C-alpha cells in the first residue's frame, strides 16, 4: 500500500490545528491622504476565528511609536469610522494599526499622509446683522434661523432599511449636532452628538442615516437638528415625511473592493421590515450563470456573517478576476438586495525547485515554492507522475496542510516492499488547501532513474 494512508491520517489530524488566521487592513492604503477635521472609514478583513474585539491605534510612519489611541475597544466587524479631531494629530506621515484586544493578531496599513484642513472658508448661511457670537454659542435676535433642515423636510417617503442623507445648513461650523427622529411629535430615535460626524457638503452638512427596520410605518415623522440652547439654533422638518411599510433589503458589504479568494469577508445587510430568514447568494455581475448559494436560513436580523470567499471555489464556481455581486433574498422571495460589483482575485503560486533533469532514487530533493501577496492559508504538496500519451496522474501526497515554503523530500528506493517506479517523469504540484482547484502551481518535469 502506498504511503497515502499515512498522509491521510496526518491530514485529518492537522485539520484540528489549522492556522492561517489573520487581520488585513484594506483601507487606508499606502499613499492615502487624510485631512484633519474629516472622517474616514478604517476597513479590515479577518481570516479564521479570533477575538471579537479590536483596538485601533495611530503610529508613526515606521509603526514604532504610538501617536494616538483611536479606539481602545471596538467590535471586530471589519469597519470603524474615525474623525481626525483638530489638535490631536499634527500633519505628517503615519500608519494605522488594527489589533485584537488579546494581542494575538494585528496588521498595519501602509504609510498615509495626514494633511492640514483647507484654510478656505466653507459656504454657510450669512449671519444676521444683529447676531451675537459668544463662546461658540449663537444667539440670534432676528427671525433668520442659524440651523435649517434641508432633507428630509416634508413630503418624502423613506423605506425602512434604506440609506438616506440627513442634510442641514448651519452657520456654526463642523461641531456635531444632536439629531432626533420624531413620530407625531414624540422623539423615537436620538443620534449624537458623541460619535456623530457630519460630512461637509455643498450648501451645508450631511449625515448618512440608515432608516431603522424597527420603526413603525407612518406618515407623521419629522427630523430635528439641535445645535444649541436657543430656539433658532435648532430646526425641524417643515412638514412630516413618511416611512413606508414596503420591505427593503440593502446590502452594505462588500462595498466593491476586490476580494481575495483565501480571505474572509464580512457580508452585511439592512433588512427593513423583513421577518424570518434570508438566503445569501453569489451571482455574476453580468447576469450570466445561475445563483450560487453561499448560505441559507440566516435570520434577517442580526444581519451579518463572515463568509470565506473561497468556500464556493471547491465546486469550481468561482472565476478569478470575474465581477460578482452578493444577493440577499428573503426566504419567500418577496424582496432582494444586492451589493456593489466586486472582483474575486486568486493569488498565484510558483514552484521554483526542483528543476528539470535526471534524479536518482535515494536522492534528497529540495522543494521550494513562492506565492504572490494576498495569499493566506496552507498548501498541499503533491507528486504527479507522467503517464502514457502525455497524460498524468497524482502519485502521492508528500506534505499536507503546510505553510513551509522550503521542504526536503527523499526519493524512495527502487527496491524493497514498496519499490518506487523509476524511468518515469515526475513533477511537484502545490495546491492551496482552501482553494485547491483555483490556486495551484506545477513545477517542471524531472526524470527519476
Protein backbone atom coordinates (compact mmCIF):
# COMPACT_ATOMS: atom_id res chain seq x y z
CA UNK A 1 0.00 0.00 0.00
CA UNK A 2 1.31 3.44 -0.83
CA UNK A 3 2.08 5.98 1.86
CA UNK A 4 -1.19 7.77 1.06
CA UNK A 5 -2.95 6.27 4.10
CA UNK A 6 -0.34 7.67 6.49
CA UNK A 7 -0.56 11.12 4.96
CA UNK A 8 -4.36 10.99 5.03
CA UNK A 9 -4.24 10.36 8.78
CA UNK A 10 -1.83 13.26 9.24
CA UNK A 11 -4.08 15.48 7.14
CA UNK A 12 -7.18 14.61 9.18
CA UNK A 13 -5.37 15.35 12.42
CA UNK A 14 -3.97 18.59 11.08
CA UNK A 15 -7.45 19.90 10.30
CA UNK A 16 -7.88 20.31 14.03
CA UNK A 17 -4.92 22.67 14.12
CA UNK A 18 -5.44 24.80 11.01
CA UNK A 19 -3.71 28.11 11.46
CA UNK A 20 -3.59 30.95 8.99
CA UNK A 21 -5.77 33.37 10.97
CA UNK A 22 -5.03 36.95 10.08
CA UNK A 23 -6.21 40.55 10.03
CA UNK A 24 -5.64 42.54 6.83
CA UNK A 25 -6.27 46.28 6.59
CA UNK A 26 -7.81 47.20 3.23
CA UNK A 27 -8.37 50.90 3.94
CA UNK A 28 -6.43 53.11 4.31
CA UNK A 29 -3.69 52.01 1.92
CA UNK A 30 -0.25 53.46 1.26
CA UNK A 31 -0.41 56.92 -0.28
CA UNK A 32 -3.89 57.84 1.01
CA UNK A 33 -4.35 61.42 2.22
CA UNK A 34 -6.43 62.15 5.29
CA UNK A 35 -7.45 65.71 6.14
CA UNK A 36 -7.62 66.90 9.73
CA UNK A 37 -11.22 67.54 10.70
CA UNK A 38 -12.61 64.96 8.28
CA UNK A 39 -13.98 61.48 8.96
CA UNK A 40 -12.76 58.27 7.33
CA UNK A 41 -13.62 54.57 7.43
CA UNK A 42 -10.95 52.14 8.60
CA UNK A 43 -11.71 48.78 6.94
CA UNK A 44 -10.15 45.37 7.52
CA UNK A 45 -10.81 41.72 6.73
CA UNK A 46 -10.31 38.77 9.06
CA UNK A 47 -9.44 35.16 8.39
CA UNK A 48 -10.18 32.46 10.98
CA UNK A 49 -11.63 32.57 14.47
CA UNK A 50 -10.26 35.26 16.77
CA UNK A 51 -11.22 37.72 19.48
CA UNK A 52 -14.47 39.59 18.84
CA UNK A 53 -12.94 42.98 19.70
CA UNK A 54 -10.01 45.01 18.39
CA UNK A 55 -8.15 48.15 19.37
CA UNK A 56 -7.12 50.73 16.77
CA UNK A 57 -4.03 52.89 17.08
CA UNK A 58 -2.25 55.58 15.06
CA UNK A 59 1.52 55.10 14.86
CA UNK A 60 4.42 56.96 13.32
CA UNK A 61 5.40 56.12 9.74
CA UNK A 62 7.63 53.23 10.89
CA UNK A 63 4.97 51.73 13.15
CA UNK A 64 7.34 52.05 16.12
CA UNK A 65 5.92 54.92 18.21
CA UNK A 66 2.25 55.13 19.19
CA UNK A 67 0.81 58.56 18.46
CA UNK A 68 -2.86 58.21 19.33
CA UNK A 69 -5.43 55.73 20.66
CA UNK A 70 -8.18 55.83 18.02
CA UNK A 71 -10.23 53.19 19.85
CA UNK A 72 -9.42 51.08 22.91
CA UNK A 73 -12.15 48.55 22.16
CA UNK A 74 -14.48 48.16 19.20
CA UNK A 75 -16.18 45.19 17.56
CA UNK A 76 -14.01 43.12 15.23
CA UNK A 77 -16.56 43.54 12.44
CA UNK A 78 -14.29 44.95 9.75
CA UNK A 79 -15.08 48.66 9.88
CA UNK A 80 -14.63 51.71 12.14
CA UNK A 81 -15.42 55.35 11.41
CA UNK A 82 -12.76 57.78 12.63
CA UNK A 83 -12.81 61.57 12.52
CA UNK A 84 -9.44 63.29 12.93
CA UNK A 85 -10.17 65.76 15.69
CA UNK A 86 -8.21 69.00 15.20
CA UNK A 87 -5.45 69.40 17.75
CA UNK A 88 -4.94 65.67 18.35
CA UNK A 89 -2.65 64.98 15.38
CA UNK A 90 -0.11 67.09 13.51
CA UNK A 91 0.30 66.89 9.72
CA UNK A 92 2.76 64.18 8.76
CA UNK A 93 3.18 60.54 7.78
CA UNK A 94 1.55 57.82 9.87
CA UNK A 95 0.35 54.20 9.89
CA UNK A 96 -2.88 52.74 11.28
CA UNK A 97 -2.76 49.53 13.31
CA UNK A 98 -5.71 47.20 13.99
CA UNK A 99 -5.02 44.64 16.72
CA UNK A 100 -7.19 42.17 18.62
CA UNK A 101 -7.59 43.10 22.27
CA UNK A 102 -5.82 39.88 23.28
CA UNK A 103 -2.82 40.99 21.12
CA UNK A 104 -2.94 37.75 19.11
CA UNK A 105 -3.42 39.25 15.63
CA UNK A 106 -2.70 42.63 14.06
CA UNK A 107 -1.95 44.44 10.83
CA UNK A 108 -0.54 47.84 9.87
CA UNK A 109 -1.71 49.97 6.99
CA UNK A 110 0.70 51.46 4.51
CA UNK A 111 2.12 54.92 5.18
CA UNK A 112 -0.58 57.61 4.88
CA UNK A 113 -0.32 61.40 4.79
CA UNK A 114 -2.36 63.41 7.28
CA UNK A 115 -2.67 66.96 5.99
CA UNK A 116 -3.99 70.19 7.43
CA UNK A 117 -7.52 71.26 6.59
CA UNK A 118 -8.00 73.84 3.87
CA UNK A 119 -7.98 77.45 5.05
CA UNK A 120 -10.78 78.30 2.61
CA UNK A 121 -13.93 79.34 4.42
CA UNK A 122 -16.81 76.87 3.97
CA UNK A 123 -20.05 78.04 2.44
CA UNK A 124 -22.64 78.83 5.07
CA UNK A 125 -25.69 80.89 5.74
CA UNK A 126 -24.76 84.56 6.36
CA UNK A 127 -25.15 85.58 9.97
CA UNK A 128 -27.91 88.09 10.67
CA UNK A 129 -26.51 91.55 11.28
CA UNK A 130 -27.68 91.56 14.88
CA UNK A 131 -26.42 88.05 15.75
CA UNK A 132 -24.01 87.92 18.67
CA UNK A 133 -21.47 85.06 18.71
CA UNK A 134 -20.06 84.33 22.16
CA UNK A 135 -18.06 81.22 23.19
CA UNK A 136 -19.43 79.22 20.25
CA UNK A 137 -22.99 79.98 21.37
CA UNK A 138 -25.16 81.59 18.71
CA UNK A 139 -27.84 83.90 19.99
CA UNK A 140 -29.89 85.17 17.04
CA UNK A 141 -32.19 88.09 17.73
CA UNK A 142 -33.85 88.06 14.31
CA UNK A 143 -36.18 85.60 12.63
CA UNK A 144 -33.42 84.11 10.42
CA UNK A 145 -32.56 80.55 11.58
CA UNK A 146 -29.00 79.55 12.43
CA UNK A 147 -29.83 75.90 11.61
CA UNK A 148 -32.11 74.89 8.75
CA UNK A 149 -33.17 71.34 7.89
CA UNK A 150 -32.88 70.62 4.15
CA UNK A 151 -33.67 66.87 3.96
CA UNK A 152 -35.98 65.26 4.83
CA UNK A 153 -38.02 68.44 5.04
CA UNK A 154 -41.51 67.08 4.40
CA UNK A 155 -43.41 65.02 1.88
CA UNK A 156 -40.72 62.37 1.32
CA UNK A 157 -41.36 58.63 1.64
CA UNK A 158 -38.45 56.61 3.06
CA UNK A 159 -38.19 52.82 3.14
CA UNK A 160 -37.14 51.00 6.28
CA UNK A 161 -33.59 49.71 5.90
CA UNK A 162 -32.70 52.24 3.20
CA UNK A 163 -29.72 54.57 3.43
CA UNK A 164 -30.51 58.30 3.19
CA UNK A 165 -28.61 61.51 3.89
CA UNK A 166 -29.98 63.86 6.51
CA UNK A 167 -28.88 67.32 5.37
CA UNK A 168 -28.90 70.74 7.02
CA UNK A 169 -27.41 74.22 6.78
CA UNK A 170 -25.65 75.69 9.78
CA UNK A 171 -23.63 78.83 10.48
CA UNK A 172 -21.80 77.35 13.46
CA UNK A 173 -19.49 75.06 11.50
CA UNK A 174 -18.50 71.45 11.88
CA UNK A 175 -19.15 70.68 15.56
CA UNK A 176 -21.65 67.79 15.63
CA UNK A 177 -25.29 68.35 16.49
CA UNK A 178 -27.86 66.15 18.12
CA UNK A 179 -30.23 64.60 15.59
CA UNK A 180 -33.68 63.49 16.70
CA UNK A 181 -36.26 61.45 14.81
CA UNK A 182 -39.80 62.27 15.91
CA UNK A 183 -43.08 60.47 15.29
CA UNK A 184 -46.21 62.52 15.90
CA UNK A 185 -44.03 65.00 17.78
CA UNK A 186 -42.54 62.41 20.15
CA UNK A 187 -38.84 61.50 20.00
CA UNK A 188 -38.28 57.88 18.92
CA UNK A 189 -34.55 57.99 18.00
CA UNK A 190 -31.65 60.20 19.11
CA UNK A 191 -28.21 60.30 17.47
CA UNK A 192 -25.17 62.20 18.74
CA UNK A 193 -23.59 64.46 19.45
CA UNK A 194 -20.95 61.89 20.51
CA UNK A 195 -19.60 59.76 17.63
CA UNK A 196 -21.74 61.66 15.14
CA UNK A 197 -19.54 63.01 12.35
CA UNK A 198 -21.24 65.26 9.78
CA UNK A 199 -19.68 65.48 6.35
CA UNK A 200 -19.30 68.96 4.79
CA UNK A 201 -21.28 69.23 1.57
CA UNK A 202 -22.14 71.99 -0.86
CA UNK A 203 -24.54 74.27 0.93
CA UNK A 204 -24.40 72.50 4.28
CA UNK A 205 -23.67 69.23 6.07
CA UNK A 206 -24.88 65.68 5.64
CA UNK A 207 -25.07 62.65 7.91
CA UNK A 208 -25.71 59.17 6.44
CA UNK A 209 -28.70 57.60 8.15
CA UNK A 210 -29.98 54.06 7.78
CA UNK A 211 -33.70 54.10 8.43
CA UNK A 212 -34.14 51.57 11.28
CA UNK A 213 -36.13 48.49 10.34
CA UNK A 214 -37.96 48.59 13.67
CA UNK A 215 -39.59 51.99 13.08
CA UNK A 216 -43.33 51.65 12.67
CA UNK A 217 -44.68 52.69 9.25
CA UNK A 218 -46.38 56.06 9.30
CA UNK A 219 -46.75 59.49 7.69
CA UNK A 220 -46.12 61.55 10.81
CA UNK A 221 -42.32 61.58 11.06
CA UNK A 222 -40.00 64.58 11.23
CA UNK A 223 -36.30 65.18 11.86
CA UNK A 224 -34.92 67.77 14.27
CA UNK A 225 -31.38 69.18 14.32
CA UNK A 226 -30.30 70.66 17.68
CA UNK A 227 -27.11 72.72 17.87
CA UNK A 228 -27.58 74.97 20.89
CA UNK A 229 -29.68 76.22 23.75
CA UNK A 230 -31.61 78.83 21.79
CA UNK A 231 -34.74 78.25 19.70
CA UNK A 232 -33.21 79.40 16.41
CA UNK A 233 -30.15 77.22 16.96
CA UNK A 234 -32.43 74.25 16.25
CA UNK A 235 -34.74 73.33 13.40
CA UNK A 236 -37.23 70.63 12.43
CA UNK A 237 -38.65 69.44 9.14
CA UNK A 238 -41.18 71.93 7.77
CA UNK A 239 -43.67 69.12 7.21
CA UNK A 240 -43.91 65.46 8.10
CA UNK A 241 -42.37 62.73 5.97
CA UNK A 242 -43.42 59.09 5.70
CA UNK A 243 -41.74 55.79 6.49
CA UNK A 244 -43.29 53.13 4.30
CA UNK A 245 -44.21 49.59 5.18
CA UNK A 246 -42.50 48.35 2.00
CA UNK A 247 -39.99 45.60 2.57
CA UNK A 248 -36.41 46.55 1.79
CA UNK A 249 -33.02 44.84 1.86
CA UNK A 250 -29.87 46.91 1.37
CA UNK A 251 -26.56 45.04 1.14
CA UNK A 252 -23.88 47.29 2.67
CA UNK A 253 -20.85 44.96 2.46
CA UNK A 254 -18.87 44.01 0.48
CA UNK A 255 -18.54 47.59 -0.75
CA UNK A 256 -16.93 46.93 -4.13
CA UNK A 257 -13.31 46.30 -3.22
CA UNK A 258 -11.53 43.31 -4.72
CA UNK A 259 -11.79 40.21 -2.51
CA UNK A 260 -9.00 37.69 -2.17
CA UNK A 261 -10.34 34.17 -2.55
CA UNK A 262 -8.45 32.85 0.51
CA UNK A 263 -9.69 35.61 2.85
CA UNK A 264 -12.79 36.10 4.94
CA UNK A 265 -15.30 38.82 4.05
CA UNK A 266 -18.00 40.21 6.31
CA UNK A 267 -21.34 40.25 4.46
CA UNK A 268 -23.73 42.86 5.86
CA UNK A 269 -27.22 43.97 5.01
CA UNK A 270 -30.09 46.00 6.42
CA UNK A 271 -33.48 44.31 6.33
CA UNK A 272 -36.31 46.83 6.53
CA UNK A 273 -39.49 45.16 7.67
CA UNK A 274 -38.29 41.67 6.68
CA UNK A 275 -39.19 38.97 9.18
CA UNK A 276 -37.91 35.42 9.30
CA UNK A 277 -34.81 34.26 7.42
CA UNK A 278 -32.88 35.25 4.32
CA UNK A 279 -30.68 33.40 1.84
CA UNK A 280 -27.38 34.76 0.56
CA UNK A 281 -26.13 34.10 -2.98
CA UNK A 282 -23.17 34.91 -5.19
CA UNK A 283 -24.03 35.96 -8.75
CA UNK A 284 -22.08 37.10 -11.79
CA UNK A 285 -22.36 40.87 -12.22
CA UNK A 286 -23.03 40.44 -15.95
CA UNK A 287 -26.08 38.30 -15.24
CA UNK A 288 -24.64 35.17 -16.85
CA UNK A 289 -24.74 31.94 -14.90
CA UNK A 290 -27.04 30.95 -12.09
CA UNK A 291 -27.12 31.85 -8.43
CA UNK A 292 -24.56 30.15 -6.23
CA UNK A 293 -25.83 29.66 -2.68
CA UNK A 294 -23.45 30.99 -0.04
CA UNK A 295 -25.67 30.33 2.97
CA UNK A 296 -29.37 29.78 3.63
CA UNK A 297 -31.71 30.19 6.57
CA UNK A 298 -29.96 33.17 8.20
CA UNK A 299 -32.10 35.37 10.48
CA UNK A 300 -32.83 38.66 8.70
CA UNK A 301 -31.70 40.42 11.88
CA UNK A 302 -28.92 40.47 13.09
CA UNK A 303 -27.73 41.00 9.56
CA UNK A 304 -24.13 39.96 9.05
CA UNK A 305 -21.89 36.91 8.93
CA UNK A 306 -18.31 36.09 7.97
CA UNK A 307 -18.01 34.43 4.56
CA UNK A 308 -14.85 32.65 3.48
CA UNK A 309 -14.68 33.78 -0.12
CA UNK A 310 -13.20 30.55 -1.43
CA UNK A 311 -15.92 28.34 0.05
CA UNK A 312 -17.65 28.04 -3.33
CA UNK A 313 -14.42 27.54 -5.23
CA UNK A 314 -14.22 23.82 -4.44
CA UNK A 315 -17.14 23.26 -6.77
CA UNK A 316 -15.42 25.27 -9.50
CA UNK A 317 -17.95 28.09 -9.23
CA UNK A 318 -15.55 31.00 -8.73
CA UNK A 319 -13.60 32.51 -11.61
CA UNK A 320 -10.60 34.68 -10.81
CA UNK A 321 -10.86 38.33 -11.94
CA UNK A 322 -14.55 37.95 -12.76
CA UNK A 323 -17.01 40.56 -11.43
CA UNK A 324 -19.56 39.35 -8.87
CA UNK A 325 -22.31 40.63 -6.59
CA UNK A 326 -23.71 39.32 -3.32
CA UNK A 327 -27.50 38.99 -3.30
CA UNK A 328 -29.53 38.75 -0.08
CA UNK A 329 -33.08 37.46 -0.56
CA UNK A 330 -35.97 36.85 1.80
CA UNK A 331 -36.73 33.13 2.02
CA UNK A 332 -40.15 33.65 0.50
CA UNK A 333 -38.63 35.63 -2.38
CA UNK A 334 -40.64 38.76 -1.54
CA UNK A 335 -37.67 41.14 -1.59
CA UNK A 336 -33.99 41.07 -2.51
CA UNK A 337 -30.99 43.37 -2.31
CA UNK A 338 -27.59 43.24 -3.93
CA UNK A 339 -24.12 44.58 -3.20
CA UNK A 340 -21.90 46.69 -5.41
CA UNK A 341 -19.91 44.82 -8.04
CA UNK A 342 -16.55 43.42 -6.92
CA UNK A 343 -13.81 41.17 -8.28
CA UNK A 344 -12.64 37.91 -6.75
CA UNK A 345 -8.88 37.64 -7.06
CA UNK A 346 -6.88 34.44 -6.75
CA UNK A 347 -3.25 34.79 -5.60
CA UNK A 348 -0.66 32.82 -7.55
CA UNK A 349 1.78 30.09 -6.53
CA UNK A 350 5.08 29.22 -8.23
CA UNK A 351 7.17 26.08 -7.80
CA UNK A 352 10.85 27.09 -8.02
CA UNK A 353 12.50 23.76 -7.13
CA UNK A 354 13.23 21.02 -8.09
CA UNK A 355 14.12 21.87 -11.66
CA UNK A 356 14.18 19.63 -14.69
CA UNK A 357 16.86 16.96 -15.25
CA UNK A 358 17.63 13.47 -14.06
CA UNK A 359 17.29 12.39 -10.44
CA UNK A 360 18.05 9.06 -8.83
CA UNK A 361 16.11 7.03 -6.32
CA UNK A 362 17.52 7.81 -2.92
CA UNK A 363 18.31 11.45 -3.82
CA UNK A 364 17.05 14.16 -1.48
CA UNK A 365 15.26 16.93 -3.35
CA UNK A 366 14.72 20.49 -2.16
CA UNK A 367 11.11 21.53 -2.75
CA UNK A 368 10.54 25.29 -2.75
CA UNK A 369 7.61 27.48 -3.74
CA UNK A 370 6.62 31.16 -3.67
CA UNK A 371 3.29 32.93 -3.51
CA UNK A 372 2.06 36.35 -4.57
CA UNK A 373 0.93 38.96 -1.99
CA UNK A 374 -2.54 38.33 -0.61
CA UNK A 375 -2.20 34.57 -0.30
CA UNK A 376 -3.43 33.22 3.03
CA UNK A 377 -3.58 29.67 4.27
CA UNK A 378 -1.62 26.47 3.78
CA UNK A 379 -0.84 24.17 0.87
CA UNK A 380 -0.70 20.50 -0.03
CA UNK A 381 2.43 19.31 -1.87
CA UNK A 382 1.74 16.51 -4.36
CA UNK A 383 3.89 14.36 -6.62
CA UNK A 384 2.43 13.84 -10.11
CA UNK A 385 3.56 11.07 -12.46
CA UNK A 386 3.56 11.35 -16.24
CA UNK A 387 1.61 8.55 -17.88
CA UNK A 388 1.38 7.32 -21.44
CA UNK A 389 0.27 9.60 -24.28
CA UNK A 390 1.04 12.75 -22.37
CA UNK A 391 -1.43 12.19 -19.55
CA UNK A 392 -0.52 12.46 -15.89
CA UNK A 393 -1.92 11.34 -12.56
CA UNK A 394 -1.38 12.06 -8.88
CA UNK A 395 1.09 9.53 -7.50
CA UNK A 396 1.40 10.56 -3.87
CA UNK A 397 0.73 13.42 -1.45
CA UNK A 398 4.09 14.36 0.03
CA UNK A 399 3.08 17.06 2.53
CA UNK A 400 -0.35 18.16 3.76
CA UNK A 401 -1.55 21.46 5.17
CA UNK A 402 1.88 23.05 5.41
CA UNK A 403 2.92 26.69 5.29
CA UNK A 404 6.64 25.90 4.96
CA UNK A 405 7.95 27.16 1.60
CA UNK A 406 11.15 25.10 1.73
CA UNK A 407 10.89 21.34 2.24
CA UNK A 408 13.10 18.29 1.74
CA UNK A 409 11.91 15.02 0.25
CA UNK A 410 13.92 11.87 -0.32
CA UNK A 411 13.03 9.83 -3.41
CA UNK A 412 12.18 6.34 -2.09
CA UNK A 413 14.37 3.39 -3.10
CA UNK A 414 13.55 1.48 -6.27
CA UNK A 415 13.73 -1.86 -4.49
CA UNK A 416 12.00 -3.38 -1.47
CA UNK A 417 8.44 -3.98 -0.33
CA UNK A 418 7.10 -0.81 -1.93
CA UNK A 419 9.50 0.00 -4.79
CA UNK A 420 9.38 3.48 -6.29
CA UNK A 421 8.78 3.38 -10.09
CA UNK A 422 11.86 4.59 -11.98
CA UNK A 423 12.47 5.59 -15.57
CA UNK A 424 9.44 7.83 -15.27
CA UNK A 425 8.86 11.58 -15.32
CA UNK A 426 7.53 13.35 -12.23
CA UNK A 427 6.76 16.89 -11.14
CA UNK A 428 5.86 18.74 -7.94
CA UNK A 429 2.39 20.28 -7.60
CA UNK A 430 1.46 22.82 -4.90
CA UNK A 431 -2.25 23.43 -4.18
CA UNK A 432 -4.00 25.77 -1.79
CA UNK A 433 -5.80 23.81 0.94
CA UNK A 434 -8.74 26.23 0.87
CA UNK A 435 -8.96 26.63 -2.90
CA UNK A 436 -7.27 23.60 -4.46
CA UNK A 437 -8.64 23.97 -7.99
CA UNK A 438 -8.22 27.75 -8.29
CA UNK A 439 -4.81 28.25 -6.67
CA UNK A 440 -2.42 25.61 -7.95
CA UNK A 441 1.13 25.57 -9.38
CA UNK A 442 3.03 22.81 -11.17
CA UNK A 443 6.79 22.52 -11.40
CA UNK A 444 8.83 21.22 -14.32
CA UNK A 445 9.08 17.53 -15.22
CA UNK A 446 12.14 15.65 -13.97
CA UNK A 447 13.16 12.05 -14.65
CA UNK A 448 13.84 9.54 -11.89
CA UNK A 449 16.34 6.82 -12.79
